Amino acid sequence: MTLEELDNVGDFVQKLELIEPPNQLVAVISDPFLQKYLQLRSSEKYITRIDSWLLAFFEDRLSDPEDNASQIISMLDSMVEYTRYTKVCHTQEVWHVLMLGRIFQMHVRRILDLYCHLGTE
């Protein structure tokens, strides 16, 4: 069973054990249902898959940051919202962006500020 097959939150709760994660786990960055699913059924394997995709995304886009600036900023904005909601920060990718592109420093700082703040609560 996939998340797309669920009609409502009741279905989600009743069928949680039967749900298979999507192939594109990076959708978790912008999908609240998938975020909730991964919070309840998280594993190191899922986190590694998301981390790998994000790293590949940033490596590809940062090879030509001026042409890809809007995509990079959009992904960083999504990561801020994801981090705010899930309290999970994909730090390897954040540091990669910080090291490769100063124009994204404001967005990276927002992610790191949120992450550091979460660690002190």
C-alpha atoms as a PDB file:
ATOM      1  CA  MET A   1       0.000   0.000   0.000  1.00  0.00           C
ATOM      2  CA  THR A   2       1.272   3.486  -0.816  1.00  0.00           C
ATOM      3  CA  LEU A   3       0.513   6.865   0.712  1.00  0.00           C
ATOM      4  CA  GLU A   4      -1.313   7.852  -2.472  1.00  0.00           C
ATOM      5  CA  GLU A   5      -3.863   5.100  -1.855  1.00  0.00           C
ATOM      6  CA  LEU A   6      -4.933   6.547   1.488  1.00  0.00           C
ATOM      7  CA  ASP A   7      -8.105   8.608   1.631  1.00  0.00           C
ATOM      8  CA  ASN A   8      -7.749  10.264   5.029  1.00  0.00           C
ATOM      9  CA  VAL A   9      -5.892  10.336   8.330  1.00  0.00           C
ATOM     10  CA  GLY A  10      -7.990   7.440   9.638  1.00  0.00           C
ATOM     11  CA  ASP A  11      -6.752   5.247   6.782  1.00  0.00           C
ATOM     12  CA  PHE A  12      -3.214   6.374   7.553  1.00  0.00           C
ATOM     13  CA  VAL A  13      -3.483   5.346  11.220  1.00  0.00           C
ATOM     14  CA  GLN A  14      -5.248   2.026  10.518  1.00  0.00           C
ATOM     15  CA  LYS A  15      -2.889   0.960   7.736  1.00  0.00           C
ATOM     16  CA  LEU A  16       0.410   2.397   8.990  1.00  0.00           C
ATOM     17  CA  GLU A  17       2.084  -1.022   9.188  1.00  0.00           C
ATOM     18  CA  LEU A  18       1.082  -1.832   5.592  1.00  0.00           C
ATOM     19  CA  ILE A  19       2.310   1.384   3.985  1.00  0.00           C
ATOM     20  CA  GLU A  20       5.400   1.171   1.810  1.00  0.00           C
ATOM     21  CA  PRO A  21       7.593   4.265   1.493  1.00  0.00           C
ATOM     22  CA  PRO A  22       7.782   5.847  -1.960  1.00  0.00           C
ATOM     23  CA  ASN A  23      10.800   5.298  -4.180  1.00  0.00           C
ATOM     24  CA  GLN A  24      11.540   9.022  -4.096  1.00  0.00           C
ATOM     25  CA  LEU A  25      11.919   9.532  -0.356  1.00  0.00           C
ATOM     26  CA  VAL A  26      13.174  13.049  -0.909  1.00  0.00           C
ATOM     27  CA  ALA A  27       9.516  13.964  -1.369  1.00  0.00           C
ATOM     28  CA  VAL A  28       9.529  14.016   2.437  1.00  0.00           C
ATOM     29  CA  ILE A  29      11.010  17.506   2.187  1.00  0.00           C
ATOM     30  CA  SER A  30       7.665  18.923   1.051  1.00  0.00           C
ATOM     31  CA  ASP A  31       5.048  16.246   1.848  1.00  0.00           C
ATOM     32  CA  PRO A  32       3.526  16.515   5.360  1.00  0.00           C
ATOM     33  CA  PHE A  33       1.949  13.020   5.130  1.00  0.00           C
ATOM     34  CA  LEU A  34       5.305  11.467   4.244  1.00  0.00           C
ATOM     35  CA  GLN A  35       6.991  13.476   7.009  1.00  0.00           C
ATOM     36  CA  LYS A  36       4.562  12.024   9.541  1.00  0.00           C
ATOM     37  CA  TYR A  37       5.069   8.525   8.114  1.00  0.00           C
ATOM     38  CA  LEU A  38       8.856   8.770   8.417  1.00  0.00           C
ATOM     39  CA  GLN A  39       8.580  10.145  11.944  1.00  0.00           C
ATOM     40  CA  LEU A  40       6.584   7.067  12.909  1.00  0.00           C
ATOM     41  CA  ARG A  41       8.529   4.508  10.829  1.00  0.00           C
ATOM     42  CA  SER A  42      11.962   6.063  10.478  1.00  0.00           C
ATOM     43  CA  SER A  43      15.063   4.025   9.806  1.00  0.00           C
ATOM     44  CA  GLU A  44      18.701   4.756   9.108  1.00  0.00           C
ATOM     45  CA  LYS A  45      18.184   3.389   5.587  1.00  0.00           C
ATOM     46  CA  TYR A  46      15.547   6.034   4.812  1.00  0.00           C
ATOM     47  CA  ILE A  47      17.657   8.851   6.221  1.00  0.00           C
ATOM     48  CA  THR A  48      20.668   7.681   4.202  1.00  0.00           C
ATOM     49  CA  ARG A  49      18.581   7.638   1.004  1.00  0.00           C
ATOM     50  CA  ILE A  50      17.340  11.181   1.627  1.00  0.00           C
ATOM     51  CA  ASP A  51      20.860  12.382   2.477  1.00  0.00           C
ATOM     52  CA  SER A  52      22.293  10.819  -0.681  1.00  0.00           C
ATOM     53  CA  TRP A  53      19.662  12.405  -2.906  1.00  0.00           C
ATOM     54  CA  LEU A  54      20.138  15.829  -1.323  1.00  0.00           C
ATOM     55  CA  LEU A  55      23.896  15.611  -1.677  1.00  0.00           C
ATOM     56  CA  ALA A  56      23.576  14.679  -5.369  1.00  0.00           C
ATOM     57  CA  PHE A  57      21.052  17.489  -5.901  1.00  0.00           C
ATOM     58  CA  PHE A  58      23.336  20.124  -4.393  1.00  0.00           C
ATOM     59  CA  GLU A  59      26.460  18.832  -6.116  1.00  0.00           C
ATOM     60  CA  ASP A  60      24.680  18.971  -9.468  1.00  0.00           C
ATOM     61  CA  ARG A  61      23.086  22.392  -8.957  1.00  0.00           C
ATOM     62  CA  LEU A  62      26.186  23.962  -7.419  1.00  0.00           C
ATOM     63  CA  SER A  63      28.252  23.052 -10.471  1.00  0.00           C
ATOM     64  CA  ASP A  64      26.583  26.124 -12.028  1.00  0.00           C
ATOM     65  CA  PRO A  65      25.074  28.042  -9.090  1.00  0.00           C
ATOM     66  CA  GLU A  66      24.072  31.158 -10.998  1.00  0.00           C
ATOM     67  CA  ASP A  67      21.887  29.228 -13.456  1.00  0.00           C
ATOM     68  CA  ASN A  68      20.456  27.035 -10.692  1.00  0.00           C
ATOM     69  CA  ALA A  69      20.073  29.630  -7.937  1.00  0.00           C
ATOM     70  CA  SER A  70      16.271  29.534  -7.818  1.00  0.00           C
ATOM     71  CA  GLN A  71      16.208  25.715  -7.558  1.00  0.00           C
ATOM     72  CA  ILE A  72      18.841  25.724  -4.823  1.00  0.00           C
ATOM     73  CA  ILE A  73      17.099  28.433  -2.831  1.00  0.00           C
ATOM     74  CA  SER A  74      13.758  26.660  -3.232  1.00  0.00           C
ATOM     75  CA  MET A  75      15.245  23.411  -1.921  1.00  0.00           C
ATOM     76  CA  LEU A  76      16.890  25.223   0.982  1.00  0.00           C
ATOM     77  CA  ASP A  77      13.571  26.878   1.840  1.00  0.00           C
ATOM     78  CA  SER A  78      11.914  23.453   1.760  1.00  0.00           C
ATOM     79  CA  MET A  79      14.652  22.077   4.006  1.00  0.00           C
ATOM     80  CA  VAL A  80      14.032  24.897   6.506  1.00  0.00           C
ATOM     81  CA  GLU A  81      10.333  23.977   6.658  1.00  0.00           C
ATOM     82  CA  TYR A  82      11.168  20.260   6.862  1.00  0.00           C
ATOM     83  CA  THR A  83      13.616  20.890   9.703  1.00  0.00           C
ATOM     84  CA  ARG A  84      11.112  23.087  11.512  1.00  0.00           C
ATOM     85  CA  TYR A  85       8.422  20.392  11.269  1.00  0.00           C
ATOM     86  CA  THR A  86      10.433  17.212  11.859  1.00  0.00           C
ATOM     87  CA  LYS A  87      13.260  18.519  14.050  1.00  0.00           C
ATOM     88  CA  VAL A  88      15.651  16.627  11.727  1.00  0.00           C
ATOM     89  CA  CYS A  89      18.450  18.420   9.919  1.00  0.00           C
ATOM     90  CA  HIS A  90      20.460  16.855   7.117  1.00  0.00           C
ATOM     91  CA  THR A  91      23.683  18.524   8.228  1.00  0.00           C
ATOM     92  CA  GLN A  92      26.036  16.951   5.662  1.00  0.00           C
ATOM     93  CA  GLU A  93      24.124  18.576   2.830  1.00  0.00           C
ATOM     94  CA  VAL A  94      23.852  21.882   4.672  1.00  0.00           C
ATOM     95  CA  TRP A  95      27.619  22.025   5.207  1.00  0.00           C
ATOM     96  CA  HIS A  96      28.225  21.086   1.575  1.00  0.00           C
ATOM     97  CA  VAL A  97      26.116  24.031   0.455  1.00  0.00           C
ATOM     98  CA  LEU A  98      27.816  26.370   2.916  1.00  0.00           C
ATOM     99  CA  MET A  99      31.244  25.405   1.641  1.00  0.00           C
ATOM    100  CA  LEU A 100      30.357  25.707  -2.061  1.00  0.00           C
ATOM    101  CA  GLY A 101      28.158  28.764  -2.303  1.00  0.00           C
ATOM    102  CA  ARG A 102      28.281  31.985  -0.328  1.00  0.00           C
ATOM    103  CA  ILE A 103      25.143  33.356  -2.026  1.00  0.00           C
ATOM    104  CA  PHE A 104      23.129  30.764  -0.090  1.00  0.00           C
ATOM    105  CA  GLN A 105      24.617  31.683   3.279  1.00  0.00           C
ATOM    106  CA  MET A 106      21.423  33.328   4.565  1.00  0.00           C
ATOM    107  CA  HIS A 107      19.364  30.184   3.925  1.00  0.00           C
ATOM    108  CA  VAL A 108      21.973  27.889   5.405  1.00  0.00           C
ATOM    109  CA  ARG A 109      22.205  30.066   8.501  1.00  0.00           C
ATOM    110  CA  ARG A 110      18.425  29.828   8.940  1.00  0.00           C
ATOM    111  CA  ILE A 111      18.667  26.028   8.838  1.00  0.00           C
ATOM    112  CA  LEU A 112      21.620  25.921  11.210  1.00  0.00           C
ATOM    113  CA  ASP A 113      20.054  28.460  13.587  1.00  0.00           C
ATOM    114  CA  LEU A 114      16.905  26.380  13.725  1.00  0.00           C
ATOM    115  CA  TYR A 115      18.886  23.155  14.173  1.00  0.00           C
ATOM    116  CA  CYS A 116      21.057  24.612  16.931  1.00  0.00           C
ATOM    117  CA  HIS A 117      18.009  26.098  18.633  1.00  0.00           C
ATOM    118  CA  LEU A 118      16.248  22.719  18.549  1.00  0.00           C
ATOM    119  CA  GLY A 119      19.224  21.099  20.236  1.00  0.00           C
ATOM    120  CA  THR A 120      18.972  23.461  23.201  1.00  0.00           C
ATOM    121  CA  GLU A 121      15.293  22.914  23.966  1.00  0.00           C
END
